[in-house]
Amino acid sequence: MRLGVVLDTRNAPNRLREVARMCDGAGIEALWVRDHLAAPDGEPRLEAWTALTLVGVAAPRPRVGALLNVAFRPPGMLAAMAGTLDAVVGGRLEVGLSAGWLERENLAFGFDFPAPDVRARRLERYATILRGLLSGQAISVGGSGEAAPAELGVASPQPGGPSLSIEAIGPQQMDVAVAVADDVLIPAAAAKDVAEAVGQVRRACERGERDPASLGIALELPVSIGRTLAEAQARAESESLFQTFGPPSEVGVFGTLEQCQERVIELAHAGVTDLRCVLPNSPDVHDVIAQVTAMVIGTVDVLSPGAPKSKSPDPPSTWGGRSRRGGEPHE
């Protein structure tokens, strides 16, 4: 199971880079940002692609990616941006696509929010264009027979383009993921019953006549870990973002290191291959990151419930992370 962290774009740019470097130093394998143009909970956020660029430069080792609302950027424009950024970060880019989350956000910025089936068709068309352009193909983007096919000046340095994931909330979006993606992303809302969500993915693979083993299953979920249960609970209660996802104890990974390892083992055996952790944005996030890195060890061949677990690690003494959100610059 690959371990990733969804970075908090409510942070100021210097703090975002600081946390990205912490994750890099701890061995986190992938760093993600989410896409919002508005402040859905009243807390401003950095624009996702700009934030991703900061992260990709600040953290030179992990894979970097953004989960993007396809309504916000034309596919040709995103392909051009992605090809250039992928070249800048040395072929470490991944792209996630979503049909959208908040109707009011789309409408406020001049984008429509049609019925789910329409958004699913748009999502598939968007992903097809994006993948084709980033792999170096000449693609018809405009839909007009008179328009010449588009071809990027700078395509992705990765053969076939960056890895592509599709966020799937229902069967229609899962069908899109089966048709065009490398991974399907299951949001935290489905984490209460991961086995059922994975079962939906398997059934979508059957409908699309795709080998289920060829489609990775990513799960985004809140994580609150502590050296004691009380510490994990205090961290969970202090993070307002978890009110959107739901309590980590119900829809995520929660508790002491051993308890969190048991949960990760359960997810791995259910079929999850990529864990994208939303962490509490606390002043001691460096300590949270240190403990999170110990959650994922071994493979499903050796991991089983009740197996011996790693001890809770000590955070490196050289790590900072005590600054407040948007606090003093850290270079």
Protein backbone atom coordinates (compact mmCIF):
# COMPACT_ATOMS: atom_id res chain seq x y z
CA MET A 1 0.00 0.00 0.00
CA ARG A 2 1.38 3.40 -0.98
CA LEU A 3 1.26 6.07 1.70
CA GLY A 4 0.35 9.62 0.71
CA VAL A 5 -0.67 12.84 2.45
CA VAL A 6 -3.23 15.41 1.31
CA LEU A 7 -1.63 18.75 2.15
CA ASP A 8 -3.74 21.51 3.64
CA THR A 9 -4.01 24.47 1.26
CA ARG A 10 -5.44 26.62 4.04
CA ASN A 11 -1.79 27.07 5.04
CA ALA A 12 0.25 30.06 3.93
CA PRO A 13 2.74 29.27 1.12
CA ASN A 14 5.79 29.06 3.41
CA ARG A 15 3.98 26.72 5.81
CA LEU A 16 2.77 24.56 2.90
CA ARG A 17 6.35 24.16 1.69
CA GLU A 18 7.51 23.45 5.23
CA VAL A 19 5.02 20.61 5.74
CA ALA A 20 5.84 19.23 2.28
CA ARG A 21 9.52 19.07 3.25
CA MET A 22 8.58 17.32 6.52
CA CYS A 23 6.69 14.67 4.54
CA ASP A 24 9.59 14.31 2.13
CA GLY A 25 12.06 13.80 4.97
CA ALA A 26 9.78 11.25 6.63
CA GLY A 27 9.52 9.10 3.49
CA ILE A 28 5.91 9.87 2.53
CA GLU A 29 5.55 8.53 -1.01
CA ALA A 30 2.99 10.93 -2.50
CA LEU A 31 1.76 14.46 -1.75
CA TRP A 32 -1.63 15.72 -2.91
CA VAL A 33 -3.68 18.91 -2.93
CA ARG A 34 -7.42 19.35 -3.46
CA ASP A 35 -9.13 21.83 -5.74
CA HIS A 36 -11.27 24.70 -4.43
CA LEU A 37 -11.77 28.16 -5.88
CA ALA A 38 -13.91 29.35 -2.98
CA ALA A 39 -13.64 28.97 0.79
CA PRO A 40 -16.42 26.41 1.39
CA ASP A 41 -15.96 26.49 5.17
CA GLY A 42 -15.03 30.16 5.41
CA GLU A 43 -11.27 29.48 5.52
CA PRO A 44 -9.38 30.73 2.44
CA ARG A 45 -7.31 28.26 0.43
CA LEU A 46 -4.44 28.52 -1.99
CA GLU A 47 -5.33 27.74 -5.61
CA ALA A 48 -4.57 24.06 -6.10
CA TRP A 49 -2.27 24.12 -9.15
CA THR A 50 -0.18 26.96 -7.78
CA ALA A 51 0.08 25.12 -4.45
CA LEU A 52 1.09 21.93 -6.26
CA THR A 53 3.89 23.78 -8.02
CA LEU A 54 5.21 25.02 -4.66
CA VAL A 55 5.07 21.48 -3.27
CA GLY A 56 6.76 19.89 -6.28
CA VAL A 57 9.73 22.22 -6.00
CA ALA A 58 9.96 22.09 -2.18
CA ALA A 59 9.81 18.28 -1.93
CA PRO A 60 12.09 16.71 -4.58
CA ARG A 61 11.49 13.02 -3.81
CA PRO A 62 7.77 12.08 -3.51
CA ARG A 63 5.22 11.85 -6.28
CA VAL A 64 3.04 14.97 -6.39
CA GLY A 65 -0.54 15.34 -7.55
CA ALA A 66 -3.72 17.39 -7.49
CA LEU A 67 -7.33 16.26 -7.43
CA LEU A 68 -9.01 18.73 -9.78
CA ASN A 69 -12.58 19.71 -10.64
CA VAL A 70 -12.82 19.30 -14.42
CA ALA A 71 -15.17 22.30 -14.69
CA PHE A 72 -12.52 24.77 -13.57
CA ARG A 73 -9.93 24.42 -16.39
CA PRO A 74 -10.27 23.48 -20.08
CA PRO A 75 -8.61 20.10 -20.74
CA GLY A 76 -6.17 21.50 -23.28
CA MET A 77 -5.02 24.18 -20.86
CA LEU A 78 -4.61 21.70 -18.01
CA ALA A 79 -2.65 19.39 -20.31
CA ALA A 80 -0.25 22.23 -21.18
CA MET A 81 0.16 23.13 -17.50
CA ALA A 82 0.66 19.49 -16.52
CA GLY A 83 3.20 18.77 -19.24
CA THR A 84 5.33 21.71 -18.16
CA LEU A 85 5.06 20.98 -14.43
CA ASP A 86 5.85 17.30 -14.98
CA ALA A 87 9.03 18.34 -16.80
CA VAL A 88 9.92 20.69 -13.93
CA VAL A 89 9.50 18.01 -11.24
CA GLY A 90 11.27 15.30 -13.19
CA GLY A 91 8.35 13.08 -14.15
CA ARG A 92 6.82 12.80 -10.66
CA LEU A 93 3.41 14.27 -11.48
CA GLU A 94 0.08 12.50 -11.02
CA VAL A 95 -3.34 13.92 -11.87
CA GLY A 96 -6.69 13.24 -10.23
CA LEU A 97 -9.98 14.32 -11.79
CA SER A 98 -13.40 14.86 -10.25
CA ALA A 99 -16.81 15.67 -11.71
CA GLY A 100 -17.20 18.27 -8.95
CA TRP A 101 -18.34 18.45 -5.35
CA LEU A 102 -20.19 21.66 -4.54
CA GLU A 103 -22.89 22.98 -6.82
CA ARG A 104 -22.79 26.43 -5.24
CA GLU A 105 -19.05 26.74 -5.90
CA ASN A 106 -19.44 25.86 -9.58
CA LEU A 107 -22.32 28.29 -10.03
CA ALA A 108 -20.62 31.11 -8.14
CA PHE A 109 -17.67 31.03 -10.53
CA GLY A 110 -19.76 30.77 -13.69
CA PHE A 111 -19.64 27.00 -14.25
CA ASP A 112 -22.74 24.86 -14.61
CA PHE A 113 -23.45 21.80 -12.49
CA PRO A 114 -25.60 19.45 -14.56
CA ALA A 115 -27.07 16.08 -13.66
CA PRO A 116 -24.70 13.30 -12.56
CA ASP A 117 -24.92 11.41 -15.86
CA VAL A 118 -23.96 14.52 -17.82
CA ARG A 119 -21.06 15.24 -15.51
CA ALA A 120 -19.88 11.64 -15.83
CA ARG A 121 -19.82 11.88 -19.64
CA ARG A 122 -17.93 15.17 -19.44
CA LEU A 123 -15.47 13.61 -17.02
CA GLU A 124 -14.72 10.73 -19.40
CA ARG A 125 -14.29 13.05 -22.39
CA TYR A 126 -12.04 15.36 -20.36
CA ALA A 127 -9.86 12.49 -19.13
CA THR A 128 -9.52 11.09 -22.67
CA ILE A 129 -8.34 14.43 -24.04
CA LEU A 130 -5.96 15.03 -21.15
CA ARG A 131 -4.37 11.60 -21.34
CA GLY A 132 -3.98 11.77 -25.11
CA LEU A 133 -2.31 15.17 -25.10
CA LEU A 134 0.04 14.35 -22.23
CA SER A 135 1.15 11.14 -23.94
CA GLY A 136 2.18 13.16 -27.01
CA GLN A 137 -0.77 12.43 -29.28
CA ALA A 138 -2.52 14.90 -31.56
CA ILE A 139 -6.08 15.11 -30.20
CA SER A 140 -9.26 16.79 -31.42
CA VAL A 141 -10.21 19.01 -28.50
CA GLY A 142 -12.79 21.46 -29.81
CA GLY A 143 -15.21 18.96 -31.30
CA SER A 144 -15.41 20.89 -34.57
CA GLY A 145 -14.58 19.08 -37.77
CA GLU A 146 -12.89 22.23 -39.06
CA ALA A 147 -10.46 22.51 -36.13
CA ALA A 148 -7.03 20.94 -36.48
CA PRO A 149 -6.01 18.39 -33.83
CA ALA A 150 -4.18 19.85 -30.85
CA GLU A 151 -0.67 18.75 -29.91
CA LEU A 152 1.28 19.94 -26.88
CA GLY A 153 4.55 21.81 -27.19
CA VAL A 154 5.73 20.08 -23.98
CA ALA A 155 4.20 16.68 -23.29
CA SER A 156 4.82 14.68 -20.14
CA PRO A 157 8.28 13.09 -19.82
CA GLN A 158 6.58 9.96 -18.46
CA PRO A 159 5.79 7.28 -21.04
CA GLY A 160 2.03 7.42 -21.59
CA GLY A 161 1.74 10.55 -19.43
CA PRO A 162 1.17 10.95 -15.68
CA SER A 163 -0.80 8.40 -13.72
CA LEU A 164 -4.50 9.35 -13.79
CA SER A 165 -7.05 8.78 -11.03
CA ILE A 166 -10.78 9.40 -11.12
CA GLU A 167 -12.78 10.22 -8.00
CA ALA A 168 -15.81 7.95 -7.97
CA ILE A 169 -18.78 8.62 -5.74
CA GLY A 170 -21.27 6.42 -7.61
CA PRO A 171 -21.52 3.71 -10.30
CA GLN A 172 -21.44 6.16 -13.25
CA GLN A 173 -18.14 7.66 -12.14
CA MET A 174 -16.73 4.22 -11.36
CA ASP A 175 -17.54 3.23 -14.94
CA VAL A 176 -15.54 6.26 -16.10
CA ALA A 177 -12.59 5.22 -13.93
CA VAL A 178 -12.69 1.72 -15.39
CA ALA A 179 -12.71 3.15 -18.92
CA VAL A 180 -9.92 5.74 -18.67
CA ALA A 181 -8.02 5.72 -15.35
CA ASP A 182 -5.08 4.01 -13.66
CA ASP A 183 -6.71 4.37 -10.24
CA VAL A 184 -10.15 4.95 -8.82
CA LEU A 185 -10.30 7.28 -5.81
CA ILE A 186 -12.88 6.45 -3.16
CA PRO A 187 -13.71 9.50 -1.00
CA ALA A 188 -13.88 9.45 2.77
CA ALA A 189 -17.69 9.31 2.74
CA ALA A 190 -17.45 5.69 1.59
CA ALA A 191 -14.85 4.66 4.18
CA LYS A 192 -17.46 3.38 6.64
CA ASP A 193 -17.95 0.40 4.37
CA VAL A 194 -14.77 0.01 2.35
CA ALA A 195 -15.61 -3.58 1.41
CA GLU A 196 -18.83 -2.42 -0.28
CA ALA A 197 -17.03 0.43 -2.07
CA VAL A 198 -14.36 -1.97 -3.34
CA GLY A 199 -17.14 -4.34 -4.37
CA GLN A 200 -18.67 -1.56 -6.48
CA VAL A 201 -15.31 -1.05 -8.16
CA ARG A 202 -15.05 -4.77 -8.92
CA ARG A 203 -18.57 -4.79 -10.39
CA ALA A 204 -17.68 -1.77 -12.54
CA CYS A 205 -14.65 -3.69 -13.82
CA GLU A 206 -16.95 -6.56 -14.76
CA ARG A 207 -19.25 -4.20 -16.65
CA GLY A 208 -16.28 -2.64 -18.45
CA GLU A 209 -14.58 -6.00 -19.05
CA ARG A 210 -11.41 -4.82 -17.32
CA ASP A 211 -9.10 -6.90 -15.17
CA PRO A 212 -9.63 -5.60 -11.61
CA ALA A 213 -5.94 -6.11 -10.88
CA SER A 214 -5.10 -3.43 -13.47
CA LEU A 215 -7.05 -0.71 -11.61
CA GLY A 216 -5.57 0.65 -8.40
CA ILE A 217 -7.89 1.60 -5.55
CA ALA A 218 -7.04 4.81 -3.71
CA LEU A 219 -8.81 5.86 -0.52
CA GLU A 220 -8.82 9.41 0.85
CA LEU A 221 -9.66 9.58 4.52
CA PRO A 222 -9.00 11.56 7.72
CA VAL A 223 -6.29 10.27 10.02
CA SER A 224 -5.77 11.15 13.68
CA ILE A 225 -3.02 9.20 15.39
CA GLY A 226 -1.48 9.65 18.83
CA ARG A 227 0.81 7.98 21.31
CA THR A 228 -2.27 7.67 23.47
CA LEU A 229 -5.95 7.49 22.59
CA ALA A 230 -6.47 10.82 24.34
CA GLU A 231 -3.84 12.48 22.14
CA ALA A 232 -5.48 11.10 18.99
CA GLN A 233 -8.89 12.32 20.19
CA ALA A 234 -7.56 15.79 21.03
CA ARG A 235 -6.01 16.12 17.58
CA ALA A 236 -9.22 15.00 15.90
CA GLU A 237 -11.35 17.44 17.89
CA SER A 238 -9.04 20.35 17.09
CA GLU A 239 -9.31 19.94 13.30
CA SER A 240 -12.36 21.72 11.84
CA LEU A 241 -11.81 20.08 8.44
CA PHE A 242 -12.81 16.72 9.91
CA GLN A 243 -16.34 18.04 10.30
CA THR A 244 -16.59 17.83 6.51
CA PHE A 245 -15.23 14.30 6.24
CA GLY A 246 -16.69 12.93 9.43
CA PRO A 247 -14.89 11.80 12.61
CA PRO A 248 -11.71 9.77 11.89
CA SER A 249 -12.93 7.20 14.41
CA GLU A 250 -15.91 6.50 12.12
CA VAL A 251 -14.72 7.13 8.56
CA GLY A 252 -10.94 7.16 8.79
CA VAL A 253 -7.90 5.90 10.66
CA PHE A 254 -7.90 6.69 14.36
CA GLY A 255 -6.18 5.84 17.62
CA THR A 256 -2.77 4.72 18.78
CA LEU A 257 -0.17 3.42 16.34
CA GLU A 258 -1.21 -0.19 16.92
CA GLN A 259 -4.87 0.64 16.39
CA CYS A 260 -4.06 2.57 13.22
CA GLN A 261 -1.91 -0.28 11.91
CA GLU A 262 -4.79 -2.69 12.45
CA ARG A 263 -7.05 -0.40 10.44
CA VAL A 264 -4.50 -0.09 7.63
CA ILE A 265 -4.12 -3.87 7.51
CA GLU A 266 -7.91 -4.15 7.21
CA LEU A 267 -7.92 -1.65 4.32
CA ALA A 268 -5.06 -3.42 2.55
CA HIS A 269 -6.81 -6.77 2.73
CA ALA A 270 -10.00 -5.14 1.43
CA GLY A 271 -8.11 -4.16 -1.72
CA VAL A 272 -6.95 -0.58 -1.07
CA THR A 273 -3.60 0.06 -2.77
CA ASP A 274 -3.12 3.81 -2.19
CA LEU A 275 -3.84 5.63 1.07
CA ARG A 276 -4.25 9.43 0.91
CA CYS A 277 -4.25 10.74 4.47
CA VAL A 278 -5.87 14.01 5.54
CA LEU A 279 -4.01 14.97 8.72
CA PRO A 280 -4.94 17.42 11.48
CA ASN A 281 -3.31 20.75 10.63
CA SER A 282 -1.91 21.17 14.12
CA PRO A 283 1.29 22.91 15.28
CA ASP A 284 2.78 19.46 16.02
CA VAL A 285 1.98 18.03 12.59
CA HIS A 286 5.63 16.94 12.35
CA ASP A 287 4.91 14.45 15.15
CA VAL A 288 1.75 13.25 13.40
CA ILE A 289 3.73 12.67 10.18
CA ALA A 290 6.39 10.71 12.08
CA GLN A 291 3.74 8.37 13.50
CA VAL A 292 1.82 8.05 10.22
CA THR A 293 4.92 6.76 8.43
CA ALA A 294 4.96 3.75 10.77
CA MET A 295 1.36 2.75 9.91
CA VAL A 296 2.15 1.12 6.59
CA ILE A 297 4.67 -1.73 6.68
CA GLY A 298 5.08 -4.88 4.61
CA THR A 299 2.53 -6.34 2.19
CA VAL A 300 -0.76 -8.17 2.49
CA ASP A 301 1.21 -11.41 2.28
CA VAL A 302 2.76 -10.74 5.68
CA LEU A 303 0.32 -8.28 7.26
CA SER A 304 -2.51 -9.83 9.20
CA PRO A 305 -4.67 -8.73 12.12
CA GLY A 306 -2.86 -9.22 15.40
CA ALA A 307 0.62 -9.29 13.84
CA PRO A 308 3.49 -7.57 15.71
CA LYS A 309 3.50 -3.82 15.11
CA SER A 310 6.17 -1.13 14.94
CA LYS A 311 6.76 1.00 18.00
CA SER A 312 5.72 4.62 17.84
CA PRO A 313 8.70 6.55 16.41
CA ASP A 314 10.34 9.59 17.92
CA PRO A 315 10.15 12.69 15.70
CA PRO A 316 13.56 13.78 14.35
CA SER A 317 15.03 16.50 16.57
CA THR A 318 15.84 18.62 13.51
CA TRP A 319 12.21 18.97 12.48
CA GLY A 320 10.39 22.20 13.06
CA GLY A 321 6.68 22.51 12.55
CA ARG A 322 5.75 24.54 15.60
CA SER A 323 4.78 27.65 13.64
CA ARG A 324 1.14 28.59 13.45
CA ARG A 325 -0.81 28.36 10.19
CA GLY A 326 0.39 31.25 8.10
CA GLY A 327 3.09 32.08 10.65
CA GLU A 328 6.67 33.12 10.19
CA PRO A 329 8.29 32.25 6.86
CA HIS A 330 10.45 29.14 6.72
CA GLU A 331 12.93 28.86 3.88
